[in-house]
Amino acid sequence: MHRVPAERADRRTIDGHRVCDAIAAIGEPAHVRAWAERFALLSDPGRLALLLALHRTGPLAVSDLAIATGMNDPAVSQALRLLRAAGIVAGEREGRVVRYQVIDPITGNLLNHCLADGE
């Protein structure tokens, strides 16, 4: 199926059928943006370390995550705030302690690949 947008249809192609396949593979711009935002959250080493720790061990409090990652408590809190706003982690309060865990299954699958690659 010919999928080249009208504004690009006048441009010369070498492998037109592959161009159409590539356009189909890219998909909707909103979908691409959503994945780019997810990867942007994972691209920070501190946030990725937090996610790996949470994914492997289960729910942890900010102070425990700070010790595990070598980050300070405010940096952990800020990172968790971003991850929580993106729907990747959630916190559960037990008295004065909030323990965080990974709740996004897609991110969990990506983290499985990261962990498997490091073993």
PDB file of N, CA and C in Angstrom:
ATOM      1  N   MET A   1       0.842  -1.175   0.000  1.00  0.00           N
ATOM      2  CA  MET A   1       0.000   0.000   0.000  1.00  0.00           C
ATOM      3  C   MET A   1       0.886   1.237   0.000  1.00  0.00           C
ATOM      4  N   HIS A   2       0.529   2.209  -0.785  1.00  0.00           N
ATOM      5  CA  HIS A   2       1.298   3.444  -0.905  1.00  0.00           C
ATOM      6  C   HIS A   2       0.964   4.363   0.265  1.00  0.00           C
ATOM      7  N   ARG A   3       1.957   4.661   1.115  1.00  0.00           N
ATOM      8  CA  ARG A   3       1.709   5.435   2.329  1.00  0.00           C
ATOM      9  C   ARG A   3       2.467   6.754   2.378  1.00  0.00           C
ATOM     10  N   VAL A   4       3.102   7.153   1.299  1.00  0.00           N
ATOM     11  CA  VAL A   4       3.872   8.390   1.324  1.00  0.00           C
ATOM     12  C   VAL A   4       2.902   9.569   1.408  1.00  0.00           C
ATOM     13  N   PRO A   5       3.068  10.421   2.419  1.00  0.00           N
ATOM     14  CA  PRO A   5       2.178  11.582   2.555  1.00  0.00           C
ATOM     15  C   PRO A   5       2.276  12.489   1.328  1.00  0.00           C
ATOM     16  N   ALA A   6       1.188  13.166   1.043  1.00  0.00           N
ATOM     17  CA  ALA A   6       1.111  14.019  -0.139  1.00  0.00           C
ATOM     18  C   ALA A   6       2.246  15.038  -0.190  1.00  0.00           C
ATOM     19  N   GLU A   7       2.626  15.596   0.960  1.00  0.00           N
ATOM     20  CA  GLU A   7       3.679  16.625   0.959  1.00  0.00           C
ATOM     21  C   GLU A   7       5.064  16.054   0.655  1.00  0.00           C
ATOM     22  N   ARG A   8       5.204  14.732   0.653  1.00  0.00           N
ATOM     23  CA  ARG A   8       6.482  14.088   0.313  1.00  0.00           C
ATOM     24  C   ARG A   8       6.403  13.262  -0.968  1.00  0.00           C
ATOM     25  N   ALA A   9       5.248  13.220  -1.590  1.00  0.00           N
ATOM     26  CA  ALA A   9       5.026  12.343  -2.747  1.00  0.00           C
ATOM     27  C   ALA A   9       5.839  12.749  -3.971  1.00  0.00           C
ATOM     28  N   ASP A  10       6.249  14.003  -4.073  1.00  0.00           N
ATOM     29  CA  ASP A  10       6.993  14.443  -5.254  1.00  0.00           C
ATOM     30  C   ASP A  10       8.493  14.164  -5.152  1.00  0.00           C
ATOM     31  N   ARG A  11       8.941  13.611  -4.047  1.00  0.00           N
ATOM     32  CA  ARG A  11      10.369  13.330  -3.851  1.00  0.00           C
ATOM     33  C   ARG A  11      10.720  11.976  -4.449  1.00  0.00           C
ATOM     34  N   ARG A  12      11.900  11.899  -5.029  1.00  0.00           N
ATOM     35  CA  ARG A  12      12.364  10.678  -5.690  1.00  0.00           C
ATOM     36  C   ARG A  12      12.755   9.630  -4.654  1.00  0.00           C
ATOM     37  N   THR A  13      12.296   8.393  -4.862  1.00  0.00           N
ATOM     38  CA  THR A  13      12.680   7.295  -3.981  1.00  0.00           C
ATOM     39  C   THR A  13      13.532   6.293  -4.736  1.00  0.00           C
ATOM     40  N   ILE A  14      14.311   5.551  -4.008  1.00  0.00           N
ATOM     41  CA  ILE A  14      15.123   4.487  -4.588  1.00  0.00           C
ATOM     42  C   ILE A  14      14.382   3.161  -4.454  1.00  0.00           C
ATOM     43  N   ASP A  15      13.932   2.878  -3.267  1.00  0.00           N
ATOM     44  CA  ASP A  15      13.171   1.659  -2.986  1.00  0.00           C
ATOM     45  C   ASP A  15      11.807   2.065  -2.427  1.00  0.00           C
ATOM     46  N   GLY A  16      10.913   2.452  -3.311  1.00  0.00           N
ATOM     47  CA  GLY A  16       9.615   2.982  -2.911  1.00  0.00           C
ATOM     48  C   GLY A  16       8.832   2.064  -1.997  1.00  0.00           C
ATOM     49  N   HIS A  17       8.853   0.757  -2.268  1.00  0.00           N
ATOM     50  CA  HIS A  17       8.102  -0.168  -1.427  1.00  0.00           C
ATOM     51  C   HIS A  17       8.670  -0.212  -0.005  1.00  0.00           C
ATOM     52  N   ARG A  18       9.976  -0.075   0.123  1.00  0.00           N
ATOM     53  CA  ARG A  18      10.578  -0.061   1.459  1.00  0.00           C
ATOM     54  C   ARG A  18      10.269   1.248   2.188  1.00  0.00           C
ATOM     55  N   VAL A  19      10.179   2.335   1.434  1.00  0.00           N
ATOM     56  CA  VAL A  19       9.801   3.612   2.041  1.00  0.00           C
ATOM     57  C   VAL A  19       8.405   3.481   2.651  1.00  0.00           C
ATOM     58  N   CYS A  20       7.495   2.882   1.912  1.00  0.00           N
ATOM     59  CA  CYS A  20       6.133   2.687   2.425  1.00  0.00           C
ATOM     60  C   CYS A  20       6.139   1.773   3.644  1.00  0.00           C
ATOM     61  N   ASP A  21       6.945   0.715   3.608  1.00  0.00           N
ATOM     62  CA  ASP A  21       7.066  -0.178   4.766  1.00  0.00           C
ATOM     63  C   ASP A  21       7.645   0.564   5.967  1.00  0.00           C
ATOM     64  N   ALA A  22       8.641   1.432   5.704  1.00  0.00           N
ATOM     65  CA  ALA A  22       9.257   2.206   6.791  1.00  0.00           C
ATOM     66  C   ALA A  22       8.250   3.167   7.411  1.00  0.00           C
ATOM     67  N   ILE A  23       7.453   3.810   6.583  1.00  0.00           N
ATOM     68  CA  ILE A  23       6.430   4.729   7.092  1.00  0.00           C
ATOM     69  C   ILE A  23       5.427   3.966   7.950  1.00  0.00           C
ATOM     70  N   ALA A  24       5.030   2.778   7.486  1.00  0.00           N
ATOM     71  CA  ALA A  24       4.102   1.955   8.263  1.00  0.00           C
ATOM     72  C   ALA A  24       4.730   1.524   9.584  1.00  0.00           C
ATOM     73  N   ALA A  25       6.031   1.190   9.560  1.00  0.00           N
ATOM     74  CA  ALA A  25       6.718   0.753  10.778  1.00  0.00           C
ATOM     75  C   ALA A  25       6.822   1.881  11.800  1.00  0.00           C
ATOM     76  N   ILE A  26       7.021   3.098  11.339  1.00  0.00           N
ATOM     77  CA  ILE A  26       7.129   4.246  12.242  1.00  0.00           C
ATOM     78  C   ILE A  26       5.800   4.485  12.942  1.00  0.00           C
ATOM     79  N   GLY A  27       4.717   4.391  12.217  1.00  0.00           N
ATOM     80  CA  GLY A  27       3.398   4.547  12.808  1.00  0.00           C
ATOM     81  C   GLY A  27       3.025   5.992  13.079  1.00  0.00           C
ATOM     82  N   GLU A  28       2.093   6.145  13.974  1.00  0.00           N
ATOM     83  CA  GLU A  28       1.556   7.467  14.302  1.00  0.00           C
ATOM     84  C   GLU A  28       2.564   8.299  15.093  1.00  0.00           C
ATOM     85  N   PRO A  29       2.670   9.591  14.774  1.00  0.00           N
ATOM     86  CA  PRO A  29       3.601  10.464  15.497  1.00  0.00           C
ATOM     87  C   PRO A  29       3.369  10.478  17.008  1.00  0.00           C
ATOM     88  N   ALA A  30       2.128  10.406  17.456  1.00  0.00           N
ATOM     89  CA  ALA A  30       1.847  10.413  18.903  1.00  0.00           C
ATOM     90  C   ALA A  30       2.427   9.169  19.571  1.00  0.00           C
ATOM     91  N   HIS A  31       2.365   8.046  18.885  1.00  0.00           N
ATOM     92  CA  HIS A  31       2.923   6.798  19.416  1.00  0.00           C
ATOM     93  C   HIS A  31       4.449   6.899  19.527  1.00  0.00           C
ATOM     94  N   VAL A  32       5.066   7.464  18.506  1.00  0.00           N
ATOM     95  CA  VAL A  32       6.523   7.650  18.520  1.00  0.00           C
ATOM     96  C   VAL A  32       6.921   8.594  19.649  1.00  0.00           C
ATOM     97  N   ARG A  33       6.177   9.677  19.826  1.00  0.00           N
ATOM     98  CA  ARG A  33       6.462  10.628  20.916  1.00  0.00           C
ATOM     99  C   ARG A  33       6.341   9.956  22.276  1.00  0.00           C
ATOM    100  N   ALA A  34       5.324   9.131  22.463  1.00  0.00           N
ATOM    101  CA  ALA A  34       5.131   8.448  23.751  1.00  0.00           C
ATOM    102  C   ALA A  34       6.322   7.545  24.059  1.00  0.00           C
ATOM    103  N   TRP A  35       6.800   6.798  23.073  1.00  0.00           N
ATOM    104  CA  TRP A  35       7.969   5.941  23.294  1.00  0.00           C
ATOM    105  C   TRP A  35       9.220   6.781  23.537  1.00  0.00           C
ATOM    106  N   ALA A  36       9.374   7.875  22.817  1.00  0.00           N
ATOM    107  CA  ALA A  36      10.539   8.743  23.025  1.00  0.00           C
ATOM    108  C   ALA A  36      10.544   9.299  24.443  1.00  0.00           C
ATOM    109  N   GLU A  37       9.371   9.663  24.954  1.00  0.00           N
ATOM    110  CA  GLU A  37       9.281  10.168  26.328  1.00  0.00           C
ATOM    111  C   GLU A  37       9.639   9.073  27.334  1.00  0.00           C
ATOM    112  N   ARG A  38       9.192   7.850  27.073  1.00  0.00           N
ATOM    113  CA  ARG A  38       9.534   6.734  27.967  1.00  0.00           C
ATOM    114  C   ARG A  38      11.047   6.511  27.954  1.00  0.00           C
ATOM    115  N   PHE A  39      11.636   6.488  26.765  1.00  0.00           N
ATOM    116  CA  PHE A  39      13.089   6.295  26.678  1.00  0.00           C
ATOM    117  C   PHE A  39      13.844   7.462  27.306  1.00  0.00           C
ATOM    118  N   ALA A  40      13.311   8.681  27.213  1.00  0.00           N
ATOM    119  CA  ALA A  40      13.964   9.830  27.842  1.00  0.00           C
ATOM    120  C   ALA A  40      14.008   9.645  29.358  1.00  0.00           C
ATOM    121  N   LEU A  41      12.925   9.129  29.932  1.00  0.00           N
ATOM    122  CA  LEU A  41      12.926   8.871  31.371  1.00  0.00           C
ATOM    123  C   LEU A  41      13.951   7.804  31.741  1.00  0.00           C
ATOM    124  N   LEU A  42      14.111   6.806  30.888  1.00  0.00           N
ATOM    125  CA  LEU A  42      15.054   5.717  31.157  1.00  0.00           C
ATOM    126  C   LEU A  42      16.491   6.096  30.832  1.00  0.00           C
ATOM    127  N   SER A  43      16.691   7.192  30.096  1.00  0.00           N
ATOM    128  CA  SER A  43      18.043   7.538  29.652  1.00  0.00           C
ATOM    129  C   SER A  43      18.907   8.148  30.750  1.00  0.00           C
ATOM    130  N   ASP A  44      18.293   8.575  31.839  1.00  0.00           N
ATOM    131  CA  ASP A  44      19.058   9.143  32.953  1.00  0.00           C
ATOM    132  C   ASP A  44      19.590   7.992  33.811  1.00  0.00           C
ATOM    133  N   PRO A  45      20.909   7.921  34.027  1.00  0.00           N
ATOM    134  CA  PRO A  45      21.470   6.809  34.809  1.00  0.00           C
ATOM    135  C   PRO A  45      20.890   6.685  36.215  1.00  0.00           C
ATOM    136  N   GLY A  46      20.611   7.790  36.872  1.00  0.00           N
ATOM    137  CA  GLY A  46      20.041   7.733  38.215  1.00  0.00           C
ATOM    138  C   GLY A  46      18.649   7.136  38.209  1.00  0.00           C
ATOM    139  N   ARG A  47      17.800   7.627  37.291  1.00  0.00           N
ATOM    140  CA  ARG A  47      16.443   7.081  37.216  1.00  0.00           C
ATOM    141  C   ARG A  47      16.464   5.610  36.822  1.00  0.00           C
ATOM    142  N   LEU A  48      17.343   5.262  35.894  1.00  0.00           N
ATOM    143  CA  LEU A  48      17.427   3.858  35.481  1.00  0.00           C
ATOM    144  C   LEU A  48      17.899   2.988  36.639  1.00  0.00           C
ATOM    145  N   ALA A  49      18.857   3.472  37.419  1.00  0.00           N
ATOM    146  CA  ALA A  49      19.322   2.708  38.585  1.00  0.00           C
ATOM    147  C   ALA A  49      18.187   2.504  39.583  1.00  0.00           C
ATOM    148  N   LEU A  50      17.395   3.548  39.822  1.00  0.00           N
ATOM    149  CA  LEU A  50      16.248   3.418  40.722  1.00  0.00           C
ATOM    150  C   LEU A  50      15.267   2.368  40.217  1.00  0.00           C
ATOM    151  N   LEU A  51      14.973   2.425  38.932  1.00  0.00           N
ATOM    152  CA  LEU A  51      14.020   1.481  38.351  1.00  0.00           C
ATOM    153  C   LEU A  51      14.538   0.052  38.398  1.00  0.00           C
ATOM    154  N   LEU A  52      15.819  -0.129  38.113  1.00  0.00           N
ATOM    155  CA  LEU A  52      16.391  -1.471  38.175  1.00  0.00           C
ATOM    156  C   LEU A  52      16.311  -2.024  39.597  1.00  0.00           C
ATOM    157  N   ALA A  53      16.626  -1.178  40.577  1.00  0.00           N
ATOM    158  CA  ALA A  53      16.560  -1.617  41.977  1.00  0.00           C
ATOM    159  C   ALA A  53      15.129  -1.984  42.358  1.00  0.00           C
ATOM    160  N   LEU A  54      14.186  -1.129  42.001  1.00  0.00           N
ATOM    161  CA  LEU A  54      12.793  -1.395  42.342  1.00  0.00           C
ATOM    162  C   LEU A  54      12.265  -2.631  41.625  1.00  0.00           C
ATOM    163  N   HIS A  55      12.646  -2.780  40.378  1.00  0.00           N
ATOM    164  CA  HIS A  55      12.153  -3.915  39.592  1.00  0.00           C
ATOM    165  C   HIS A  55      12.687  -5.234  40.145  1.00  0.00           C
ATOM    166  N   ARG A  56      13.941  -5.243  40.565  1.00  0.00           N
ATOM    167  CA  ARG A  56      14.559  -6.483  41.049  1.00  0.00           C
ATOM    168  C   ARG A  56      14.130  -6.818  42.475  1.00  0.00           C
ATOM    169  N   THR A  57      14.007  -5.798  43.328  1.00  0.00           N
ATOM    170  CA  THR A  57      13.784  -6.073  44.747  1.00  0.00           C
ATOM    171  C   THR A  57      12.352  -5.882  45.206  1.00  0.00           C
ATOM    172  N   GLY A  58      11.561  -5.134  44.455  1.00  0.00           N
ATOM    173  CA  GLY A  58      10.212  -4.820  44.905  1.00  0.00           C
ATOM    174  C   GLY A  58      10.194  -3.498  45.640  1.00  0.00           C
ATOM    175  N   PRO A  59       9.127  -3.213  46.362  1.00  0.00           N
ATOM    176  CA  PRO A  59       8.934  -1.899  46.981  1.00  0.00           C
ATOM    177  C   PRO A  59      10.075  -1.499  47.931  1.00  0.00           C
ATOM    178  N   LEU A  60      10.536  -0.260  47.752  1.00  0.00           N
ATOM    179  CA  LEU A  60      11.572   0.309  48.615  1.00  0.00           C
ATOM    180  C   LEU A  60      11.245   1.758  48.933  1.00  0.00           C
ATOM    181  N   ALA A  61      11.695   2.217  50.091  1.00  0.00           N
ATOM    182  CA  ALA A  61      11.526   3.604  50.524  1.00  0.00           C
ATOM    183  C   ALA A  61      12.635   4.475  49.940  1.00  0.00           C
ATOM    184  N   VAL A  62      12.399   5.780  49.935  1.00  0.00           N
ATOM    185  CA  VAL A  62      13.349   6.736  49.379  1.00  0.00           C
ATOM    186  C   VAL A  62      14.728   6.583  50.001  1.00  0.00           C
ATOM    187  N   SER A  63      14.802   6.517  51.321  1.00  0.00           N
ATOM    188  CA  SER A  63      16.113   6.439  51.988  1.00  0.00           C
ATOM    189  C   SER A  63      16.857   5.158  51.608  1.00  0.00           C
ATOM    190  N   ASP A  64      16.142   4.054  51.472  1.00  0.00           N
ATOM    191  CA  ASP A  64      16.782   2.802  51.064  1.00  0.00           C
ATOM    192  C   ASP A  64      17.254   2.870  49.616  1.00  0.00           C
ATOM    193  N   LEU A  65      16.451   3.505  48.769  1.00  0.00           N
ATOM    194  CA  LEU A  65      16.863   3.678  47.372  1.00  0.00           C
ATOM    195  C   LEU A  65      18.093   4.578  47.268  1.00  0.00           C
ATOM    196  N   ALA A  66      18.153   5.590  48.124  1.00  0.00           N
ATOM    197  CA  ALA A  66      19.307   6.488  48.117  1.00  0.00           C
ATOM    198  C   ALA A  66      20.583   5.725  48.471  1.00  0.00           C
ATOM    199  N   ILE A  67      20.501   4.864  49.467  1.00  0.00           N
ATOM    200  CA  ILE A  67      21.668   4.063  49.854  1.00  0.00           C
ATOM    201  C   ILE A  67      22.043   3.099  48.730  1.00  0.00           C
ATOM    202  N   ALA A  68      21.036   2.434  48.155  1.00  0.00           N
ATOM    203  CA  ALA A  68      21.302   1.436  47.116  1.00  0.00           C
ATOM    204  C   ALA A  68      21.929   2.047  45.873  1.00  0.00           C
ATOM    205  N   THR A  69      21.497   3.259  45.500  1.00  0.00           N
ATOM    206  CA  THR A  69      21.971   3.874  44.259  1.00  0.00           C
ATOM    207  C   THR A  69      23.132   4.836  44.438  1.00  0.00           C
ATOM    208  N   GLY A  70      23.406   5.237  45.684  1.00  0.00           N
ATOM    209  CA  GLY A  70      24.456   6.226  45.911  1.00  0.00           C
ATOM    210  C   GLY A  70      23.994   7.650  45.670  1.00  0.00           C
ATOM    211  N   MET A  71      22.696   7.828  45.472  1.00  0.00           N
ATOM    212  CA  MET A  71      22.126   9.161  45.277  1.00  0.00           C
ATOM    213  C   MET A  71      21.730   9.730  46.642  1.00  0.00           C
ATOM    214  N   ASN A  72      21.489  11.057  46.693  1.00  0.00           N
ATOM    215  CA  ASN A  72      20.991  11.624  47.946  1.00  0.00           C
ATOM    216  C   ASN A  72      19.460  11.586  47.945  1.00  0.00           C
ATOM    217  N   ASP A  73      18.873  11.688  49.126  1.00  0.00           N
ATOM    218  CA  ASP A  73      17.422  11.571  49.267  1.00  0.00           C
ATOM    219  C   ASP A  73      16.643  12.550  48.376  1.00  0.00           C
ATOM    220  N   PRO A  74      17.024  13.844  48.327  1.00  0.00           N
ATOM    221  CA  PRO A  74      16.268  14.766  47.464  1.00  0.00           C
ATOM    222  C   PRO A  74      16.325  14.376  45.974  1.00  0.00           C
ATOM    223  N   ALA A  75      17.463  13.887  45.516  1.00  0.00           N
ATOM    224  CA  ALA A  75      17.580  13.470  44.109  1.00  0.00           C
ATOM    225  C   ALA A  75      16.685  12.262  43.828  1.00  0.00           C
ATOM    226  N   VAL A  76      16.644  11.332  44.772  1.00  0.00           N
ATOM    227  CA  VAL A  76      15.769  10.164  44.626  1.00  0.00           C
ATOM    228  C   VAL A  76      14.314  10.616  44.598  1.00  0.00           C
ATOM    229  N   SER A  77      13.943  11.502  45.510  1.00  0.00           N
ATOM    230  CA  SER A  77      12.560  11.999  45.556  1.00  0.00           C
ATOM    231  C   SER A  77      12.170  12.690  44.253  1.00  0.00           C
ATOM    232  N   GLN A  78      13.066  13.510  43.716  1.00  0.00           N
ATOM    233  CA  GLN A  78      12.790  14.210  42.459  1.00  0.00           C
ATOM    234  C   GLN A  78      12.626  13.218  41.315  1.00  0.00           C
ATOM    235  N   ALA A  79      13.499  12.232  41.235  1.00  0.00           N
ATOM    236  CA  ALA A  79      13.409  11.225  40.180  1.00  0.00           C
ATOM    237  C   ALA A  79      12.112  10.432  40.299  1.00  0.00           C
ATOM    238  N   LEU A  80      11.760  10.052  41.512  1.00  0.00           N
ATOM    239  CA  LEU A  80      10.521   9.306  41.720  1.00  0.00           C
ATOM    240  C   LEU A  80       9.294  10.147  41.378  1.00  0.00           C
ATOM    241  N   ARG A  81       9.377  11.445  41.615  1.00  0.00           N
ATOM    242  CA  ARG A  81       8.267  12.341  41.267  1.00  0.00           C
ATOM    243  C   ARG A  81       8.029  12.311  39.754  1.00  0.00           C
ATOM    244  N   LEU A  82       9.110  12.365  38.975  1.00  0.00           N
ATOM    245  CA  LEU A  82       8.984  12.289  37.511  1.00  0.00           C
ATOM    246  C   LEU A  82       8.439  10.932  37.063  1.00  0.00           C
ATOM    247  N   LEU A  83       8.967   9.877  37.642  1.00  0.00           N
ATOM    248  CA  LEU A  83       8.544   8.527  37.278  1.00  0.00           C
ATOM    249  C   LEU A  83       7.087   8.267  37.680  1.00  0.00           C
ATOM    250  N   ARG A  84       6.687   8.827  38.808  1.00  0.00           N
ATOM    251  CA  ARG A  84       5.305   8.679  39.260  1.00  0.00           C
ATOM    252  C   ARG A  84       4.364   9.452  38.339  1.00  0.00           C
ATOM    253  N   ALA A  85       4.756  10.667  37.938  1.00  0.00           N
ATOM    254  CA  ALA A  85       3.929  11.477  37.036  1.00  0.00           C
ATOM    255  C   ALA A  85       3.757  10.800  35.678  1.00  0.00           C
ATOM    256  N   ALA A  86       4.749  10.029  35.270  1.00  0.00           N
ATOM    257  CA  ALA A  86       4.687   9.312  33.994  1.00  0.00           C
ATOM    258  C   ALA A  86       3.944   7.983  34.110  1.00  0.00           C
ATOM    259  N   GLY A  87       3.550   7.612  35.322  1.00  0.00           N
ATOM    260  CA  GLY A  87       2.823   6.358  35.514  1.00  0.00           C
ATOM    261  C   GLY A  87       3.703   5.125  35.503  1.00  0.00           C
ATOM    262  N   ILE A  88       4.984   5.307  35.765  1.00  0.00           N
ATOM    263  CA  ILE A  88       5.923   4.181  35.752  1.00  0.00           C
ATOM    264  C   ILE A  88       6.063   3.557  37.136  1.00  0.00           C
ATOM    265  N   VAL A  89       6.017   4.388  38.170  1.00  0.00           N
ATOM    266  CA  VAL A  89       6.090   3.880  39.540  1.00  0.00           C
ATOM    267  C   VAL A  89       4.897   4.410  40.339  1.00  0.00           C
ATOM    268  N   ALA A  90       4.638   3.751  41.446  1.00  0.00           N
ATOM    269  CA  ALA A  90       3.612   4.218  42.383  1.00  0.00           C
ATOM    270  C   ALA A  90       4.134   3.971  43.786  1.00  0.00           C
ATOM    271  N   GLY A  91       3.683   4.808  44.705  1.00  0.00           N
ATOM    272  CA  GLY A  91       4.072   4.658  46.096  1.00  0.00           C
ATOM    273  C   GLY A  91       2.902   4.200  46.943  1.00  0.00           C
ATOM    274  N   GLU A  92       3.228   3.391  47.941  1.00  0.00           N
ATOM    275  CA  GLU A  92       2.209   2.948  48.886  1.00  0.00           C
ATOM    276  C   GLU A  92       2.669   3.337  50.283  1.00  0.00           C
ATOM    277  N   ARG A  93       1.812   4.078  50.956  1.00  0.00           N
ATOM    278  CA  ARG A  93       2.141   4.586  52.285  1.00  0.00           C
ATOM    279  C   ARG A  93       1.817   3.564  53.353  1.00  0.00           C
ATOM    280  N   GLU A  94       2.777   3.376  54.266  1.00  0.00           N
ATOM    281  CA  GLU A  94       2.587   2.569  55.475  1.00  0.00           C
ATOM    282  C   GLU A  94       3.019   3.446  56.638  1.00  0.00           C
ATOM    283  N   GLY A  95       2.063   4.119  57.244  1.00  0.00           N
ATOM    284  CA  GLY A  95       2.398   5.070  58.297  1.00  0.00           C
ATOM    285  C   GLY A  95       3.145   6.255  57.706  1.00  0.00           C
ATOM    286  N   ARG A  96       4.363   6.474  58.177  1.00  0.00           N
ATOM    287  CA  ARG A  96       5.173   7.591  57.678  1.00  0.00           C
ATOM    288  C   ARG A  96       6.062   7.189  56.514  1.00  0.00           C
ATOM    289  N   VAL A  97       6.102   5.922  56.185  1.00  0.00           N
ATOM    290  CA  VAL A  97       6.996   5.418  55.134  1.00  0.00           C
ATOM    291  C   VAL A  97       6.210   5.180  53.851  1.00  0.00           C
ATOM    292  N   VAL A  98       6.789   5.663  52.732  1.00  0.00           N
ATOM    293  CA  VAL A  98       6.214   5.395  51.416  1.00  0.00           C
ATOM    294  C   VAL A  98       7.193   4.491  50.676  1.00  0.00           C
ATOM    295  N   ARG A  99       6.693   3.353  50.249  1.00  0.00           N
ATOM    296  CA  ARG A  99       7.514   2.418  49.471  1.00  0.00           C
ATOM    297  C   ARG A  99       7.054   2.476  48.025  1.00  0.00           C
ATOM    298  N   TYR A 100       8.032   2.569  47.113  1.00  0.00           N
ATOM    299  CA  TYR A 100       7.745   2.696  45.695  1.00  0.00           C
ATOM    300  C   TYR A 100       7.982   1.377  44.983  1.00  0.00           C
ATOM    301  N   GLN A 101       7.220   1.188  43.889  1.00  0.00           N
ATOM    302  CA  GLN A 101       7.409   0.008  43.066  1.00  0.00           C
ATOM    303  C   GLN A 101       7.103   0.349  41.607  1.00  0.00           C
ATOM    304  N   VAL A 102       7.657  -0.427  40.700  1.00  0.00           N
ATOM    305  CA  VAL A 102       7.386  -0.263  39.277  1.00  0.00           C
ATOM    306  C   VAL A 102       6.000  -0.838  38.991  1.00  0.00           C
ATOM    307  N   ILE A 103       5.145  -0.039  38.342  1.00  0.00           N
ATOM    308  CA  ILE A 103       3.787  -0.498  38.039  1.00  0.00           C
ATOM    309  C   ILE A 103       3.515  -0.586  36.538  1.00  0.00           C
ATOM    310  N   ASP A 104       4.382  -0.007  35.722  1.00  0.00           N
ATOM    311  CA  ASP A 104       4.163  -0.010  34.277  1.00  0.00           C
ATOM    312  C   ASP A 104       4.711  -1.296  33.674  1.00  0.00           C
ATOM    313  N   PRO A 105       3.865  -2.162  33.112  1.00  0.00           N
ATOM    314  CA  PRO A 105       4.346  -3.444  32.595  1.00  0.00           C
ATOM    315  C   PRO A 105       5.301  -3.311  31.410  1.00  0.00           C
ATOM    316  N   ILE A 106       5.120  -2.297  30.595  1.00  0.00           N
ATOM    317  CA  ILE A 106       6.025  -2.121  29.448  1.00  0.00           C
ATOM    318  C   ILE A 106       7.419  -1.775  29.940  1.00  0.00           C
ATOM    319  N   THR A 107       7.502  -0.866  30.893  1.00  0.00           N
ATOM    320  CA  THR A 107       8.803  -0.525  31.469  1.00  0.00           C
ATOM    321  C   THR A 107       9.394  -1.743  32.170  1.00  0.00           C
ATOM    322  N   GLY A 108       8.556  -2.513  32.841  1.00  0.00           N
ATOM    323  CA  GLY A 108       9.031  -3.746  33.474  1.00  0.00           C
ATOM    324  C   GLY A 108       9.670  -4.690  32.468  1.00  0.00           C
ATOM    325  N   ASN A 109       9.060  -4.821  31.295  1.00  0.00           N
ATOM    326  CA  ASN A 109       9.646  -5.669  30.250  1.00  0.00           C
ATOM    327  C   ASN A 109      10.988  -5.135  29.780  1.00  0.00           C
ATOM    328  N   LEU A 110      11.095  -3.821  29.622  1.00  0.00           N
ATOM    329  CA  LEU A 110      12.370  -3.220  29.227  1.00  0.00           C
ATOM    330  C   LEU A 110      13.438  -3.464  30.295  1.00  0.00           C
ATOM    331  N   LEU A 111      13.040  -3.348  31.560  1.00  0.00           N
ATOM    332  CA  LEU A 111      13.982  -3.577  32.653  1.00  0.00           C
ATOM    333  C   LEU A 111      14.431  -5.031  32.702  1.00  0.00           C
ATOM    334  N   ASN A 112      13.545  -5.961  32.358  1.00  0.00           N
ATOM    335  CA  ASN A 112      13.948  -7.376  32.282  1.00  0.00           C
ATOM    336  C   ASN A 112      15.081  -7.548  31.278  1.00  0.00           C
ATOM    337  N   HIS A 113      15.003  -6.851  30.162  1.00  0.00           N
ATOM    338  CA  HIS A 113      16.069  -6.939  29.158  1.00  0.00           C
ATOM    339  C   HIS A 113      17.371  -6.354  29.707  1.00  0.00           C
ATOM    340  N   CYS A 114      17.268  -5.229  30.408  1.00  0.00           N
ATOM    341  CA  CYS A 114      18.471  -4.613  31.004  1.00  0.00           C
ATOM    342  C   CYS A 114      19.123  -5.561  32.005  1.00  0.00           C
ATOM    343  N   LEU A 115      18.304  -6.168  32.847  1.00  0.00           N
ATOM    344  CA  LEU A 115      18.834  -7.077  33.870  1.00  0.00           C
ATOM    345  C   LEU A 115      19.413  -8.339  33.242  1.00  0.00           C
ATOM    346  N   ALA A 116      18.760  -8.880  32.226  1.00  0.00           N
ATOM    347  CA  ALA A 116      19.251 -10.087  31.574  1.00  0.00           C
ATOM    348  C   ALA A 116      20.568  -9.830  30.852  1.00  0.00           C
ATOM    349  N   ASP A 117      20.708  -8.630  30.299  1.00  0.00           N
ATOM    350  CA  ASP A 117      21.919  -8.275  29.572  1.00  0.00           C
ATOM    351  C   ASP A 117      23.120  -8.133  30.507  1.00  0.00           C
ATOM    352  N   GLY A 118      22.866  -7.760  31.770  1.00  0.00           N
ATOM    353  CA  GLY A 118      23.944  -7.557  32.731  1.00  0.00           C
ATOM    354  C   GLY A 118      24.379  -8.816  33.443  1.00  0.00           C
ATOM    355  N   GLU A 119      23.667  -9.924  33.236  1.00  0.00           N
ATOM    356  CA  GLU A 119      24.003 -11.163  33.950  1.00  0.00           C
ATOM    357  C   GLU A 119      24.924 -12.030  33.143  1.00  0.00           C
TER     358      GLU A 119
END
